[in-house]
C-alpha atoms as a PDB file:
ATOM      1  CA  MET A   1     103.297  12.381   9.854  1.00  0.00           C
ATOM      2  CA  SER A   2     100.673  12.128   6.838  1.00  0.00           C
ATOM      3  CA  THR A   3      99.090   8.750   7.778  1.00  0.00           C
ATOM      4  CA  LYS A   4      98.584   9.952  11.420  1.00  0.00           C
ATOM      5  CA  GLN A   5      97.409  13.551   9.684  1.00  0.00           C
ATOM      6  CA  ASP A   6      94.857  11.418   7.473  1.00  0.00           C
ATOM      7  CA  ARG A   7      93.898   9.192  10.463  1.00  0.00           C
ATOM      8  CA  GLN A   8      92.783  12.180  12.509  1.00  0.00           C
ATOM      9  CA  GLU A   9      90.956  13.815   9.734  1.00  0.00           C
ATOM     10  CA  GLU A  10      89.294  10.211   9.019  1.00  0.00           C
ATOM     11  CA  ALA A  11      88.372   9.683  12.378  1.00  0.00           C
ATOM     12  CA  ARG A  12      86.858  14.010  12.510  1.00  0.00           C
ATOM     13  CA  ASP A  13      84.665  12.857   9.208  1.00  0.00           C
ATOM     14  CA  ILE A  14      83.248   9.730  11.331  1.00  0.00           C
ATOM     15  CA  LYS A  15      82.172  11.739  13.907  1.00  0.00           C
ATOM     16  CA  SER A  16      80.971  14.543  12.586  1.00  0.00           C
ATOM     17  CA  GLY A  17      78.927  12.549  10.045  1.00  0.00           C
ATOM     18  CA  ASP A  18      79.115  14.715   7.139  1.00  0.00           C
ATOM     19  CA  ASP A  19      79.681  12.493   4.416  1.00  0.00           C
ATOM     20  CA  GLN A  20      78.359   9.546   5.843  1.00  0.00           C
ATOM     21  CA  PRO A  21      74.587  10.311   4.139  1.00  0.00           C
ATOM     22  CA  SER A  22      75.960  11.240   0.905  1.00  0.00           C
ATOM     23  CA  ASN A  23      77.775   7.378   0.906  1.00  0.00           C
ATOM     24  CA  MET A  24      74.368   6.064   1.846  1.00  0.00           C
ATOM     25  CA  SER A  25      72.411   7.718  -0.619  1.00  0.00           C
ATOM     26  CA  GLU A  26      75.101   6.491  -3.655  1.00  0.00           C
ATOM     27  CA  VAL A  27      74.574   2.936  -2.132  1.00  0.00           C
ATOM     28  CA  TYR A  28      71.000   3.096  -1.904  1.00  0.00           C
ATOM     29  CA  LEU A  29      69.976   5.032  -5.288  1.00  0.00           C
ATOM     30  CA  PRO A  30      71.104   2.007  -7.458  1.00  0.00           C
ATOM     31  CA  PHE A  31      68.658  -0.063  -5.282  1.00  0.00           C
ATOM     32  CA  ILE A  32      66.107   2.869  -5.550  1.00  0.00           C
ATOM     33  CA  GLY A  33      66.311   2.981  -9.675  1.00  0.00           C
ATOM     34  CA  PHE A  34      66.277  -0.479  -9.847  1.00  0.00           C
ATOM     35  CA  PHE A  35      62.843  -1.045  -7.789  1.00  0.00           C
ATOM     36  CA  ILE A  36      60.853   2.075  -9.518  1.00  0.00           C
ATOM     37  CA  VAL A  37      62.162   0.222 -12.824  1.00  0.00           C
ATOM     38  CA  MET A  38      61.137  -3.091 -11.805  1.00  0.00           C
ATOM     39  CA  ALA A  39      57.338  -1.351 -10.541  1.00  0.00           C
ATOM     40  CA  VAL A  40      57.182   0.618 -14.058  1.00  0.00           C
ATOM     41  CA  GLY A  41      57.937  -2.858 -15.934  1.00  0.00           C
ATOM     42  CA  LEU A  42      55.077  -4.776 -13.252  1.00  0.00           C
ATOM     43  CA  GLY A  43      52.693  -1.626 -14.083  1.00  0.00           C
ATOM     44  CA  LEU A  44      53.187  -1.986 -17.656  1.00  0.00           C
ATOM     45  CA  VAL A  45      52.909  -6.053 -17.825  1.00  0.00           C
ATOM     46  CA  ILE A  46      49.923  -5.538 -15.683  1.00  0.00           C
ATOM     47  CA  GLY A  47      48.452  -2.838 -17.822  1.00  0.00           C
ATOM     48  CA  GLY A  48      48.964  -4.477 -20.703  1.00  0.00           C
ATOM     49  CA  PHE A  49      46.968  -7.474 -19.448  1.00  0.00           C
ATOM     50  CA  ASN A  50      44.344  -5.600 -18.691  1.00  0.00           C
ATOM     51  CA  ALA A  51      43.987  -3.574 -21.831  1.00  0.00           C
ATOM     52  CA  LEU A  52      44.150  -7.436 -23.393  1.00  0.00           C
ATOM     53  CA  GLU A  53      41.362  -8.207 -21.683  1.00  0.00           C
ATOM     54  CA  TYR A  54      39.224  -5.340 -22.514  1.00  0.00           C
ATOM     55  CA  LEU A  55      40.054  -5.533 -25.830  1.00  0.00           C
END
């Protein structure tokens, strides 16, 4: 009985799609953070090379 109810609740959640965006954001947040860190690091490296050229 409980497993059948759980399956029905899961099906309802999938149909409603309420928890799908949160799962997607949880999946992509690490990648977004990684890309931000990489972009900042590249900006600092490029800025450092430009500063060396001006010196």
